[in-house]
Structure formats: C-alpha cells, structure tokens
Amino acid sequence: AALRDNYRCDDRYRSTVIMQRHGFGRGEYRYFR
C-alpha cells in the first residue's frame, strides 16, 4: 500500500510512459529517478 500510494509523488520519477502511445499495450508506468 505504501508503494501504491507513492505512485502519485511526481518528484520520485524520471519519466512516465503511456503504453498505448508506443504499441506496448494499454496502461502506464513510471521509472524512478
């Protein structure tokens, strides 16, 4: 739950990928910085 809650903390991530824009599927993911 702590990790899920921190998904919204923008300053922890270097980039966000919207999967359907790249043909990866559907959904999104965020890389930590």
Full PDB file with SEQRES, HELIX, SHEET, SSBOND, CRYST1, ORIGX, SCALE, CONECT and MASTER records, all heavy atoms in Angstrom:
SEQRES   1 A   33  ALA ALA LEU ARG ASP ASN TYR ARG CYS ASP ASP ARG TYR          
SEQRES   2 A   33  ARG SER THR VAL ILE MET GLN ARG HIS GLY PHE GLY ARG          
SEQRES   3 A   33  GLY GLU TYR ARG TYR PHE ARG                                  
HELIX    1 AA1 ALA A    2  ASP A    5  1                                   4    
HELIX    2 AA2 ASN A    6  ARG A    8  5                                   3    
HELIX    3 AA3 ASP A   10  ARG A   12  5                                   3    
HELIX    4 AA4 MET A   19  ARG A   21  5                                   3    
SHEET    1 AA1 2 TYR A  13  ILE A  18  0                                        
SHEET    2 AA1 2 GLU A  28  PHE A  32 -1                                        
CRYST1    1.000    1.000    1.000  90.00  90.00  90.00 P 1           1          
ORIGX1      1.000000  0.000000  0.000000        0.00000                         
ORIGX2      0.000000  1.000000  0.000000        0.00000                         
ORIGX3      0.000000  0.000000  1.000000        0.00000                         
SCALE1      1.000000  0.000000  0.000000        0.00000                         
SCALE2      0.000000  1.000000  0.000000        0.00000                         
SCALE3      0.000000  0.000000  1.000000        0.00000                         
ATOM      1  N   ALA A   1       0.832  -1.212   0.000  1.00  0.00           N  
ATOM      2  CA  ALA A   1       0.000   0.000   0.000  1.00  0.00           C  
ATOM      3  C   ALA A   1       0.864   1.258   0.000  1.00  0.00           C  
ATOM      4  O   ALA A   1       0.542   2.247  -0.672  1.00  0.00           O  
ATOM      5  CB  ALA A   1      -0.931  -0.006   1.215  1.00  0.00           C  
ATOM      6  N   ALA A   2       1.980   1.237   0.740  1.00  0.00           N  
ATOM      7  CA  ALA A   2       2.876   2.391   0.764  1.00  0.00           C  
ATOM      8  C   ALA A   2       3.450   2.670  -0.613  1.00  0.00           C  
ATOM      9  O   ALA A   2       3.555   3.830  -1.049  1.00  0.00           O  
ATOM     10  CB  ALA A   2       3.999   2.160   1.775  1.00  0.00           C  
ATOM     11  N   LEU A   3       3.808   1.630  -1.335  1.00  0.00           N  
ATOM     12  CA  LEU A   3       4.348   1.801  -2.684  1.00  0.00           C  
ATOM     13  C   LEU A   3       3.271   2.284  -3.652  1.00  0.00           C  
ATOM     14  O   LEU A   3       3.536   3.141  -4.511  1.00  0.00           O  
ATOM     15  CB  LEU A   3       4.966   0.493  -3.166  1.00  0.00           C  
ATOM     16  CG  LEU A   3       6.278   0.106  -2.478  1.00  0.00           C  
ATOM     17  CD1 LEU A   3       6.603  -1.360  -2.695  1.00  0.00           C  
ATOM     18  CD2 LEU A   3       7.419   0.981  -2.977  1.00  0.00           C  
ATOM     19  N   ARG A   4       2.064   1.741  -3.553  1.00  0.00           N  
ATOM     20  CA  ARG A   4       0.964   2.221  -4.407  1.00  0.00           C  
ATOM     21  C   ARG A   4       0.696   3.694  -4.165  1.00  0.00           C  
ATOM     22  O   ARG A   4       0.513   4.474  -5.110  1.00  0.00           O  
ATOM     23  CB  ARG A   4      -0.318   1.419  -4.150  1.00  0.00           C  
ATOM     24  CG  ARG A   4      -0.259  -0.038  -4.538  1.00  0.00           C  
ATOM     25  CD  ARG A   4      -1.659  -0.641  -4.633  1.00  0.00           C  
ATOM     26  NE  ARG A   4      -2.461  -0.412  -3.434  1.00  0.00           N  
ATOM     27  CZ  ARG A   4      -2.540  -1.248  -2.406  1.00  0.00           C  
ATOM     28  NH1 ARG A   4      -1.820  -2.375  -2.412  1.00  0.00           N  
ATOM     29  NH2 ARG A   4      -3.313  -0.977  -1.381  1.00  0.00           N  
ATOM     30  N   ASP A   5       0.660   4.104  -2.896  1.00  0.00           N  
ATOM     31  CA  ASP A   5       0.360   5.496  -2.562  1.00  0.00           C  
ATOM     32  C   ASP A   5       1.403   6.444  -3.131  1.00  0.00           C  
ATOM     33  O   ASP A   5       1.099   7.576  -3.508  1.00  0.00           O  
ATOM     34  CB  ASP A   5       0.267   5.671  -1.047  1.00  0.00           C  
ATOM     35  CG  ASP A   5      -0.957   5.009  -0.444  1.00  0.00           C  
ATOM     36  OD1 ASP A   5      -1.883   4.665  -1.212  1.00  0.00           O  
ATOM     37  OD2 ASP A   5      -0.985   4.819   0.787  1.00  0.00           O  
ATOM     38  N   ASN A   6       2.659   6.000  -3.196  1.00  0.00           N  
ATOM     39  CA  ASN A   6       3.723   6.871  -3.683  1.00  0.00           C  
ATOM     40  C   ASN A   6       3.762   6.981  -5.201  1.00  0.00           C  
ATOM     41  O   ASN A   6       4.581   7.729  -5.736  1.00  0.00           O  
ATOM     42  CB  ASN A   6       5.072   6.364  -3.157  1.00  0.00           C  
ATOM     43  CG  ASN A   6       5.371   6.892  -1.768  1.00  0.00           C  
ATOM     44  OD1 ASN A   6       5.972   7.937  -1.604  1.00  0.00           O  
ATOM     45  ND2 ASN A   6       4.930   6.159  -0.749  1.00  0.00           N  
ATOM     46  N   TYR A   7       2.878   6.253  -5.892  1.00  0.00           N  
ATOM     47  CA  TYR A   7       2.825   6.370  -7.348  1.00  0.00           C  
ATOM     48  C   TYR A   7       2.478   7.798  -7.773  1.00  0.00           C  
ATOM     49  O   TYR A   7       2.860   8.239  -8.856  1.00  0.00           O  
ATOM     50  CB  TYR A   7       1.797   5.387  -7.906  1.00  0.00           C  
ATOM     51  CG  TYR A   7       1.812   5.291  -9.418  1.00  0.00           C  
ATOM     52  CD1 TYR A   7       2.761   4.518 -10.062  1.00  0.00           C  
ATOM     53  CD2 TYR A   7       0.867   5.973 -10.187  1.00  0.00           C  
ATOM     54  CE1 TYR A   7       2.784   4.422 -11.446  1.00  0.00           C  
ATOM     55  CE2 TYR A   7       0.883   5.878 -11.570  1.00  0.00           C  
ATOM     56  CZ  TYR A   7       1.846   5.102 -12.195  1.00  0.00           C  
ATOM     57  OH  TYR A   7       1.861   5.022 -13.563  1.00  0.00           O  
ATOM     58  N   ARG A   8       1.777   8.508  -6.934  1.00  0.00           N  
ATOM     59  CA  ARG A   8       1.340   9.873  -7.276  1.00  0.00           C  
ATOM     60  C   ARG A   8       2.394  10.938  -6.968  1.00  0.00           C  
ATOM     61  O   ARG A   8       2.176  12.114  -7.269  1.00  0.00           O  
ATOM     62  CB  ARG A   8       0.053  10.201  -6.530  1.00  0.00           C  
ATOM     63  CG  ARG A   8      -1.128   9.314  -6.913  1.00  0.00           C  
ATOM     64  CD  ARG A   8      -2.407   9.775  -6.227  1.00  0.00           C  
ATOM     65  NE  ARG A   8      -2.325   9.565  -4.785  1.00  0.00           N  
ATOM     66  CZ  ARG A   8      -2.695   8.429  -4.180  1.00  0.00           C  
ATOM     67  NH1 ARG A   8      -3.134   7.409  -4.889  1.00  0.00           N  
ATOM     68  NH2 ARG A   8      -2.603   8.323  -2.867  1.00  0.00           N  
ATOM     69  N   CYS A   9       3.513  10.562  -6.367  1.00  0.00           N  
ATOM     70  CA  CYS A   9       4.546  11.537  -5.992  1.00  0.00           C  
ATOM     71  C   CYS A   9       5.465  11.788  -7.187  1.00  0.00           C  
ATOM     72  O   CYS A   9       6.438  11.057  -7.417  1.00  0.00           O  
ATOM     73  CB  CYS A   9       5.335  11.019  -4.799  1.00  0.00           C  
ATOM     74  SG  CYS A   9       4.343  10.766  -3.315  1.00  0.00           S  
ATOM     75  N   ASP A  10       5.164  12.846  -7.941  1.00  0.00           N  
ATOM     76  CA  ASP A  10       5.859  13.089  -9.206  1.00  0.00           C  
ATOM     77  C   ASP A  10       7.370  13.238  -9.048  1.00  0.00           C  
ATOM     78  O   ASP A  10       8.135  12.870  -9.948  1.00  0.00           O  
ATOM     79  CB  ASP A  10       5.304  14.351  -9.872  1.00  0.00           C  
ATOM     80  CG  ASP A  10       3.866  14.180 -10.335  1.00  0.00           C  
ATOM     81  OD1 ASP A  10       3.407  13.024 -10.433  1.00  0.00           O  
ATOM     82  OD2 ASP A  10       3.192  15.202 -10.572  1.00  0.00           O  
ATOM     83  N   ASP A  11       7.819  13.795  -7.919  1.00  0.00           N  
ATOM     84  CA  ASP A  11       9.244  14.079  -7.783  1.00  0.00           C  
ATOM     85  C   ASP A  11      10.093  12.825  -7.627  1.00  0.00           C  
ATOM     86  O   ASP A  11      11.319  12.899  -7.692  1.00  0.00           O  
ATOM     87  CB  ASP A  11       9.484  15.021  -6.602  1.00  0.00           C  
ATOM     88  CG  ASP A  11       9.025  14.433  -5.268  1.00  0.00           C  
ATOM     89  OD1 ASP A  11       8.183  13.513  -5.274  1.00  0.00           O  
ATOM     90  OD2 ASP A  11       9.517  14.902  -4.225  1.00  0.00           O  
ATOM     91  N   ARG A  12       9.483  11.664  -7.473  1.00  0.00           N  
ATOM     92  CA  ARG A  12      10.239  10.425  -7.308  1.00  0.00           C  
ATOM     93  C   ARG A  12      10.577   9.763  -8.646  1.00  0.00           C  
ATOM     94  O   ARG A  12      11.359   8.814  -8.684  1.00  0.00           O  
ATOM     95  CB  ARG A  12       9.464   9.429  -6.445  1.00  0.00           C  
ATOM     96  CG  ARG A  12       9.300   9.893  -5.008  1.00  0.00           C  
ATOM     97  CD  ARG A  12       8.801   8.774  -4.124  1.00  0.00           C  
ATOM     98  NE  ARG A  12       8.702   9.220  -2.742  1.00  0.00           N  
ATOM     99  CZ  ARG A  12       9.700   9.224  -1.876  1.00  0.00           C  
ATOM    100  NH1 ARG A  12      10.895   8.814  -2.283  1.00  0.00           N  
ATOM    101  NH2 ARG A  12       9.534   9.635  -0.642  1.00  0.00           N  
ATOM    102  N   TYR A  13       9.997  10.264  -9.746  1.00  0.00           N  
ATOM    103  CA  TYR A  13      10.096   9.557 -11.031  1.00  0.00           C  
ATOM    104  C   TYR A  13      10.764  10.429 -12.085  1.00  0.00           C  
ATOM    105  O   TYR A  13      10.589  11.640 -12.131  1.00  0.00           O  
ATOM    106  CB  TYR A  13       8.706   9.140 -11.493  1.00  0.00           C  
ATOM    107  CG  TYR A  13       7.995   8.261 -10.480  1.00  0.00           C  
ATOM    108  CD1 TYR A  13       7.085   8.810  -9.575  1.00  0.00           C  
ATOM    109  CD2 TYR A  13       8.258   6.900 -10.398  1.00  0.00           C  
ATOM    110  CE1 TYR A  13       6.459   8.019  -8.627  1.00  0.00           C  
ATOM    111  CE2 TYR A  13       7.630   6.106  -9.459  1.00  0.00           C  
ATOM    112  CZ  TYR A  13       6.734   6.670  -8.573  1.00  0.00           C  
ATOM    113  OH  TYR A  13       6.119   5.886  -7.633  1.00  0.00           O  
ATOM    114  N   ARG A  14      11.507   9.764 -12.977  1.00  0.00           N  
ATOM    115  CA  ARG A  14      12.189  10.487 -14.048  1.00  0.00           C  
ATOM    116  C   ARG A  14      11.340  10.589 -15.301  1.00  0.00           C  
ATOM    117  O   ARG A  14      11.541  11.491 -16.119  1.00  0.00           O  
ATOM    118  CB  ARG A  14      13.525   9.827 -14.384  1.00  0.00           C  
ATOM    119  CG  ARG A  14      13.456   8.415 -14.966  1.00  0.00           C  
ATOM    120  CD  ARG A  14      14.826   7.943 -15.434  1.00  0.00           C  
ATOM    121  NE  ARG A  14      14.853   6.557 -15.881  1.00  0.00           N  
ATOM    122  CZ  ARG A  14      14.528   6.149 -17.100  1.00  0.00           C  
ATOM    123  NH1 ARG A  14      14.113   7.027 -18.002  1.00  0.00           N  
ATOM    124  NH2 ARG A  14      14.585   4.869 -17.435  1.00  0.00           N  
ATOM    125  N   SER A  15      10.389   9.643 -15.497  1.00  0.00           N  
ATOM    126  CA  SER A  15       9.543   9.698 -16.685  1.00  0.00           C  
ATOM    127  C   SER A  15       8.321   8.821 -16.481  1.00  0.00           C  
ATOM    128  O   SER A  15       8.314   7.901 -15.661  1.00  0.00           O  
ATOM    129  CB  SER A  15      10.304   9.237 -17.938  1.00  0.00           C  
ATOM    130  OG  SER A  15      10.651   7.874 -17.853  1.00  0.00           O  
ATOM    131  N   THR A  16       7.270   9.137 -17.263  1.00  0.00           N  
ATOM    132  CA  THR A  16       6.035   8.354 -17.274  1.00  0.00           C  
ATOM    133  C   THR A  16       5.775   7.912 -18.707  1.00  0.00           C  
ATOM    134  O   THR A  16       5.868   8.718 -19.639  1.00  0.00           O  
ATOM    135  CB  THR A  16       4.846   9.187 -16.763  1.00  0.00           C  
ATOM    136  OG1 THR A  16       5.115   9.615 -15.419  1.00  0.00           O  
ATOM    137  CG2 THR A  16       3.555   8.371 -16.782  1.00  0.00           C  
ATOM    138  N   VAL A  17       5.456   6.645 -18.892  1.00  0.00           N  
ATOM    139  CA  VAL A  17       5.222   6.078 -20.222  1.00  0.00           C  
ATOM    140  C   VAL A  17       3.761   5.667 -20.327  1.00  0.00           C  
ATOM    141  O   VAL A  17       3.267   4.879 -19.514  1.00  0.00           O  
ATOM    142  CB  VAL A  17       6.130   4.867 -20.489  1.00  0.00           C  
ATOM    143  CG1 VAL A  17       5.806   4.243 -21.840  1.00  0.00           C  
ATOM    144  CG2 VAL A  17       7.595   5.278 -20.429  1.00  0.00           C  
ATOM    145  N   ILE A  18       3.057   6.229 -21.333  1.00  0.00           N  
ATOM    146  CA  ILE A  18       1.697   5.811 -21.661  1.00  0.00           C  
ATOM    147  C   ILE A  18       1.820   4.710 -22.709  1.00  0.00           C  
ATOM    148  O   ILE A  18       2.222   4.958 -23.849  1.00  0.00           O  
ATOM    149  CB  ILE A  18       0.858   6.984 -22.194  1.00  0.00           C  
ATOM    150  CG1 ILE A  18       0.925   8.172 -21.216  1.00  0.00           C  
ATOM    151  CG2 ILE A  18      -0.590   6.543 -22.419  1.00  0.00           C  
ATOM    152  CD1 ILE A  18       0.432   7.873 -19.823  1.00  0.00           C  
ATOM    153  N   MET A  19       1.472   3.503 -22.338  1.00  0.00           N  
ATOM    154  CA  MET A  19       1.840   2.336 -23.131  1.00  0.00           C  
ATOM    155  C   MET A  19       1.221   2.327 -24.521  1.00  0.00           C  
ATOM    156  O   MET A  19       1.868   1.946 -25.503  1.00  0.00           O  
ATOM    157  CB  MET A  19       1.479   1.062 -22.364  1.00  0.00           C  
ATOM    158  CG  MET A  19       2.310   0.886 -21.108  1.00  0.00           C  
ATOM    159  SD  MET A  19       1.682  -0.383 -19.974  1.00  0.00           S  
ATOM    160  CE  MET A  19       1.799  -1.832 -21.010  1.00  0.00           C  
ATOM    161  N   GLN A  20      -0.039   2.756 -24.659  1.00  0.00           N  
ATOM    162  CA  GLN A  20      -0.688   2.678 -25.963  1.00  0.00           C  
ATOM    163  C   GLN A  20      -0.069   3.623 -26.990  1.00  0.00           C  
ATOM    164  O   GLN A  20      -0.214   3.415 -28.194  1.00  0.00           O  
ATOM    165  CB  GLN A  20      -2.201   2.910 -25.850  1.00  0.00           C  
ATOM    166  CG  GLN A  20      -2.624   4.146 -25.107  1.00  0.00           C  
ATOM    167  CD  GLN A  20      -2.925   3.850 -23.646  1.00  0.00           C  
ATOM    168  OE1 GLN A  20      -2.155   3.199 -22.956  1.00  0.00           O  
ATOM    169  NE2 GLN A  20      -4.062   4.339 -23.173  1.00  0.00           N  
ATOM    170  N   ARG A  21       0.637   4.649 -26.552  1.00  0.00           N  
ATOM    171  CA  ARG A  21       1.289   5.571 -27.487  1.00  0.00           C  
ATOM    172  C   ARG A  21       2.440   4.898 -28.227  1.00  0.00           C  
ATOM    173  O   ARG A  21       2.861   5.361 -29.288  1.00  0.00           O  
ATOM    174  CB  ARG A  21       1.813   6.793 -26.741  1.00  0.00           C  
ATOM    175  CG  ARG A  21       0.723   7.694 -26.150  1.00  0.00           C  
ATOM    176  CD  ARG A  21       1.340   8.853 -25.410  1.00  0.00           C  
ATOM    177  NE  ARG A  21       0.326   9.713 -24.792  1.00  0.00           N  
ATOM    178  CZ  ARG A  21       0.596  10.725 -23.973  1.00  0.00           C  
ATOM    179  NH1 ARG A  21       1.871  11.002 -23.691  1.00  0.00           N  
ATOM    180  NH2 ARG A  21      -0.382  11.446 -23.453  1.00  0.00           N  
ATOM    181  N   HIS A  22       2.970   3.822 -27.659  1.00  0.00           N  
ATOM    182  CA  HIS A  22       4.145   3.169 -28.231  1.00  0.00           C  
ATOM    183  C   HIS A  22       3.847   1.750 -28.716  1.00  0.00           C  
ATOM    184  O   HIS A  22       4.777   1.045 -29.128  1.00  0.00           O  
ATOM    185  CB  HIS A  22       5.258   3.122 -27.180  1.00  0.00           C  
ATOM    186  CG  HIS A  22       5.598   4.460 -26.593  1.00  0.00           C  
ATOM    187  ND1 HIS A  22       6.450   5.350 -27.200  1.00  0.00           N  
ATOM    188  CD2 HIS A  22       5.170   5.071 -25.457  1.00  0.00           C  
ATOM    189  CE1 HIS A  22       6.563   6.442 -26.466  1.00  0.00           C  
ATOM    190  NE2 HIS A  22       5.795   6.302 -25.404  1.00  0.00           N  
ATOM    191  N   GLY A  23       2.591   1.341 -28.650  1.00  0.00           N  
ATOM    192  CA  GLY A  23       2.237  -0.004 -29.061  1.00  0.00           C  
ATOM    193  C   GLY A  23       2.635  -1.070 -28.060  1.00  0.00           C  
ATOM    194  O   GLY A  23       2.749  -2.254 -28.418  1.00  0.00           O  
ATOM    195  N   PHE A  24       2.839  -0.674 -26.797  1.00  0.00           N  
ATOM    196  CA  PHE A  24       3.268  -1.618 -25.768  1.00  0.00           C  
ATOM    197  C   PHE A  24       2.092  -2.357 -25.128  1.00  0.00           C  
ATOM    198  O   PHE A  24       2.307  -3.310 -24.380  1.00  0.00           O  
ATOM    199  CB  PHE A  24       4.044  -0.894 -24.654  1.00  0.00           C  
ATOM    200  CG  PHE A  24       5.331  -0.256 -25.102  1.00  0.00           C  
ATOM    201  CD1 PHE A  24       5.926   0.727 -24.320  1.00  0.00           C  
ATOM    202  CD2 PHE A  24       5.953  -0.630 -26.283  1.00  0.00           C  
ATOM    203  CE1 PHE A  24       7.124   1.320 -24.715  1.00  0.00           C  
ATOM    204  CE2 PHE A  24       7.146  -0.035 -26.685  1.00  0.00           C  
ATOM    205  CZ  PHE A  24       7.718   0.949 -25.898  1.00  0.00           C  
ATOM    206  N   GLY A  25       0.886  -1.878 -25.365  1.00  0.00           N  
ATOM    207  CA  GLY A  25      -0.296  -2.404 -24.699  1.00  0.00           C  
ATOM    208  C   GLY A  25      -1.182  -1.253 -24.280  1.00  0.00           C  
ATOM    209  O   GLY A  25      -1.315  -0.258 -25.009  1.00  0.00           O  
ATOM    210  N   ARG A  26      -1.777  -1.357 -23.089  1.00  0.00           N  
ATOM    211  CA  ARG A  26      -2.559  -0.271 -22.502  1.00  0.00           C  
ATOM    212  C   ARG A  26      -2.227  -0.188 -21.023  1.00  0.00           C  
ATOM    213  O   ARG A  26      -2.074  -1.197 -20.350  1.00  0.00           O  
ATOM    214  CB  ARG A  26      -4.065  -0.528 -22.669  1.00  0.00           C  
ATOM    215  CG  ARG A  26      -4.616  -0.134 -24.026  1.00  0.00           C  
ATOM    216  CD  ARG A  26      -6.130  -0.291 -24.050  1.00  0.00           C  
ATOM    217  NE  ARG A  26      -6.773   0.419 -22.943  1.00  0.00           N  
ATOM    218  CZ  ARG A  26      -8.095   0.424 -22.737  1.00  0.00           C  
ATOM    219  NH1 ARG A  26      -8.895  -0.240 -23.561  1.00  0.00           N  
ATOM    220  NH2 ARG A  26      -8.605   1.086 -21.725  1.00  0.00           N  
ATOM    221  N   GLY A  27      -2.135   1.048 -20.523  1.00  0.00           N  
ATOM    222  CA  GLY A  27      -1.746   1.277 -19.140  1.00  0.00           C  
ATOM    223  C   GLY A  27      -0.613   2.277 -19.097  1.00  0.00           C  
ATOM    224  O   GLY A  27      -0.314   2.942 -20.094  1.00  0.00           O  
ATOM    225  N   GLU A  28       0.022   2.404 -17.951  1.00  0.00           N  
ATOM    226  CA  GLU A  28       1.144   3.329 -17.839  1.00  0.00           C  
ATOM    227  C   GLU A  28       2.137   2.820 -16.798  1.00  0.00           C  
ATOM    228  O   GLU A  28       1.807   1.976 -15.958  1.00  0.00           O  
ATOM    229  CB  GLU A  28       0.665   4.734 -17.467  1.00  0.00           C  
ATOM    230  CG  GLU A  28       0.054   4.855 -16.082  1.00  0.00           C  
ATOM    231  CD  GLU A  28      -0.396   6.271 -15.773  1.00  0.00           C  
ATOM    232  OE1 GLU A  28      -0.861   6.965 -16.696  1.00  0.00           O  
ATOM    233  OE2 GLU A  28      -0.273   6.672 -14.605  1.00  0.00           O  
ATOM    234  N   TYR A  29       3.358   3.335 -16.900  1.00  0.00           N  
ATOM    235  CA  TYR A  29       4.349   3.022 -15.878  1.00  0.00           C  
ATOM    236  C   TYR A  29       5.281   4.204 -15.696  1.00  0.00           C  
ATOM    237  O   TYR A  29       5.430   5.068 -16.575  1.00  0.00           O  
ATOM    238  CB  TYR A  29       5.121   1.739 -16.190  1.00  0.00           C  
ATOM    239  CG  TYR A  29       5.746   1.635 -17.572  1.00  0.00           C  
ATOM    240  CD1 TYR A  29       7.022   2.132 -17.825  1.00  0.00           C  
ATOM    241  CD2 TYR A  29       5.085   0.983 -18.607  1.00  0.00           C  
ATOM    242  CE1 TYR A  29       7.607   1.994 -19.077  1.00  0.00           C  
ATOM    243  CE2 TYR A  29       5.663   0.839 -19.852  1.00  0.00           C  
ATOM    244  CZ  TYR A  29       6.924   1.341 -20.087  1.00  0.00           C  
ATOM    245  OH  TYR A  29       7.506   1.215 -21.324  1.00  0.00           O  
ATOM    246  N   ARG A  30       5.918   4.234 -14.522  1.00  0.00           N  
ATOM    247  CA  ARG A  30       6.790   5.348 -14.143  1.00  0.00           C  
ATOM    248  C   ARG A  30       8.129   4.801 -13.680  1.00  0.00           C  
ATOM    249  O   ARG A  30       8.194   3.913 -12.826  1.00  0.00           O  
ATOM    250  CB  ARG A  30       6.157   6.182 -13.031  1.00  0.00           C  
ATOM    251  CG  ARG A  30       4.721   6.576 -13.272  1.00  0.00           C  
ATOM    252  CD  ARG A  30       4.232   7.617 -12.287  1.00  0.00           C  
ATOM    253  NE  ARG A  30       4.669   8.957 -12.701  1.00  0.00           N  
ATOM    254  CZ  ARG A  30       4.386  10.081 -12.031  1.00  0.00           C  
ATOM    255  NH1 ARG A  30       3.688  10.014 -10.904  1.00  0.00           N  
ATOM    256  NH2 ARG A  30       4.802  11.243 -12.472  1.00  0.00           N  
ATOM    257  N   TYR A  31       9.214   5.355 -14.244  1.00  0.00           N  
ATOM    258  CA  TYR A  31      10.561   4.979 -13.846  1.00  0.00           C  
ATOM    259  C   TYR A  31      11.024   5.876 -12.693  1.00  0.00           C  
ATOM    260  O   TYR A  31      10.904   7.105 -12.769  1.00  0.00           O  
ATOM    261  CB  TYR A  31      11.543   5.166 -15.001  1.00  0.00           C  
ATOM    262  CG  TYR A  31      11.396   4.159 -16.115  1.00  0.00           C  
ATOM    263  CD1 TYR A  31      10.825   4.518 -17.334  1.00  0.00           C  
ATOM    264  CD2 TYR A  31      11.858   2.853 -15.965  1.00  0.00           C  
ATOM    265  CE1 TYR A  31      10.710   3.603 -18.370  1.00  0.00           C  
ATOM    266  CE2 TYR A  31      11.751   1.937 -17.002  1.00  0.00           C  
ATOM    267  CZ  TYR A  31      11.176   2.317 -18.189  1.00  0.00           C  
ATOM    268  OH  TYR A  31      11.063   1.409 -19.208  1.00  0.00           O  
ATOM    269  N   PHE A  32      11.576   5.261 -11.648  1.00  0.00           N  
ATOM    270  CA  PHE A  32      12.170   6.037 -10.565  1.00  0.00           C  
ATOM    271  C   PHE A  32      13.392   6.798 -11.077  1.00  0.00           C  
ATOM    272  O   PHE A  32      14.070   6.366 -12.007  1.00  0.00           O  
ATOM    273  CB  PHE A  32      12.595   5.114  -9.419  1.00  0.00           C  
ATOM    274  CG  PHE A  32      11.444   4.566  -8.617  1.00  0.00           C  
ATOM    275  CD1 PHE A  32      10.926   3.311  -8.906  1.00  0.00           C  
ATOM    276  CD2 PHE A  32      10.889   5.298  -7.587  1.00  0.00           C  
ATOM    277  CE1 PHE A  32       9.869   2.797  -8.168  1.00  0.00           C  
ATOM    278  CE2 PHE A  32       9.830   4.793  -6.853  1.00  0.00           C  
ATOM    279  CZ  PHE A  32       9.317   3.550  -7.134  1.00  0.00           C  
ATOM    280  N   ARG A  33      13.663   7.924 -10.437  1.00  0.00           N  
ATOM    281  CA  ARG A  33      14.858   8.699 -10.753  1.00  0.00           C  
ATOM    282  C   ARG A  33      15.958   8.396  -9.731  1.00  0.00           C  
ATOM    283  O   ARG A  33      15.698   7.876  -8.648  1.00  0.00           O  
ATOM    284  CB  ARG A  33      14.546  10.208 -10.759  1.00  0.00           C  
ATOM    285  CG  ARG A  33      14.195  10.783  -9.386  1.00  0.00           C  
ATOM    286  CD  ARG A  33      14.145  12.317  -9.403  1.00  0.00           C  
ATOM    287  NE  ARG A  33      13.024  12.826 -10.185  1.00  0.00           N  
ATOM    288  CZ  ARG A  33      13.168  13.460 -11.340  1.00  0.00           C  
ATOM    289  NH1 ARG A  33      14.367  13.653 -11.837  1.00  0.00           N  
ATOM    290  NH2 ARG A  33      12.115  13.917 -11.977  1.00  0.00           N  
TER     291      ARG A  33                                                      
MASTER        0    0    0    4    2    0    0    6  290    1    0    3          
END                                                                             
